[in-house]
């Protein structure tokens, strides 16, 4: 991980003044352990996330997740 731009960005949702990691928790922790101060992030909007439950949680279907995945 010499170049942080060589990995997929961490997916982040912002609600009011708080940022939530939607996908990329392991990458985020790896960057922290390696001492990075800046990491690639993609901010998501509600239309990127899918359906929202009454408590404000977004539901992503497996089909949605796999559609954005890179297959090896």
Protein backbone atom coordinates (compact mmCIF):
# COMPACT_ATOMS: atom_id res chain seq x y z
CA UNK A 1 0.00 0.00 0.00
CA UNK A 2 2.73 2.42 -0.94
CA UNK A 3 0.31 4.52 -3.00
CA UNK A 4 -3.05 5.11 -1.29
CA UNK A 5 -4.60 5.95 -4.66
CA UNK A 6 -3.93 2.41 -5.91
CA UNK A 7 -6.75 0.99 -3.73
CA UNK A 8 -10.50 1.54 -3.89
CA UNK A 9 -11.67 4.63 -2.00
CA UNK A 10 -13.33 4.35 1.38
CA UNK A 11 -17.08 4.93 0.98
CA UNK A 12 -18.34 7.59 3.39
CA UNK A 13 -21.81 8.94 4.16
CA UNK A 14 -22.17 12.27 5.96
CA UNK A 15 -25.17 12.89 8.20
CA UNK A 16 -25.26 16.44 9.53
CA UNK A 17 -21.73 16.89 10.94
CA UNK A 18 -20.80 13.22 11.37
CA UNK A 19 -19.11 11.02 8.75
CA UNK A 20 -19.86 7.29 8.68
CA UNK A 21 -17.78 4.68 6.87
CA UNK A 22 -20.17 2.63 4.73
CA UNK A 23 -17.52 0.40 3.17
CA UNK A 24 -13.78 0.22 3.76
CA UNK A 25 -13.37 -0.21 7.51
CA UNK A 26 -10.42 -2.58 7.05
CA UNK A 27 -8.71 -0.25 4.55
CA UNK A 28 -9.24 2.67 6.91
CA UNK A 29 -7.63 0.79 9.82
CA UNK A 30 -4.75 -0.35 7.59
CA UNK A 31 -4.09 3.24 6.52
CA UNK A 32 -4.10 4.34 10.17
CA UNK A 33 -1.63 1.61 11.16
CA UNK A 34 0.65 2.60 8.28
CA UNK A 35 0.62 6.22 9.42
CA UNK A 36 -1.24 7.79 6.49
CA UNK A 37 -2.85 11.14 7.20
CA UNK A 38 -4.83 11.26 3.94
CA UNK A 39 -6.71 8.43 2.27
CA UNK A 40 -8.93 8.18 -0.85
CA UNK A 41 -12.58 8.72 0.03
CA UNK A 42 -15.78 8.71 -2.01
CA UNK A 43 -18.70 10.57 -0.48
CA UNK A 44 -22.04 8.87 -1.01
CA UNK A 45 -25.40 10.53 -1.26
CA UNK A 46 -28.72 8.93 -0.37
CA UNK A 47 -29.38 8.02 -4.01
CA UNK A 48 -26.08 6.07 -4.02
CA UNK A 49 -27.08 4.03 -0.99
CA UNK A 50 -30.52 2.69 -1.80
CA UNK A 51 -33.55 2.43 0.44
CA UNK A 52 -33.64 4.06 3.85
CA UNK A 53 -35.34 2.61 6.93
CA UNK A 54 -37.39 4.82 9.30
CA UNK A 55 -34.41 5.09 11.69
CA UNK A 56 -32.20 6.55 8.95
CA UNK A 57 -30.23 3.40 8.14
CA UNK A 58 -29.60 2.71 4.49
CA UNK A 59 -30.26 -0.74 3.05
CA UNK A 60 -28.00 -1.99 0.28
CA UNK A 61 -28.96 -5.20 -1.44
CA UNK A 62 -26.39 -7.85 -2.21
CA UNK A 63 -27.09 -7.21 -5.88
CA UNK A 64 -26.19 -3.51 -5.43
CA UNK A 65 -22.97 -4.36 -3.61
CA UNK A 66 -21.89 -6.94 -6.18
CA UNK A 67 -22.70 -4.58 -9.06
CA UNK A 68 -19.99 -2.22 -7.79
CA UNK A 69 -17.48 -4.95 -6.90
CA UNK A 70 -14.41 -5.81 -8.89
CA UNK A 71 -14.30 -9.51 -9.67
CA UNK A 72 -10.97 -11.32 -9.43
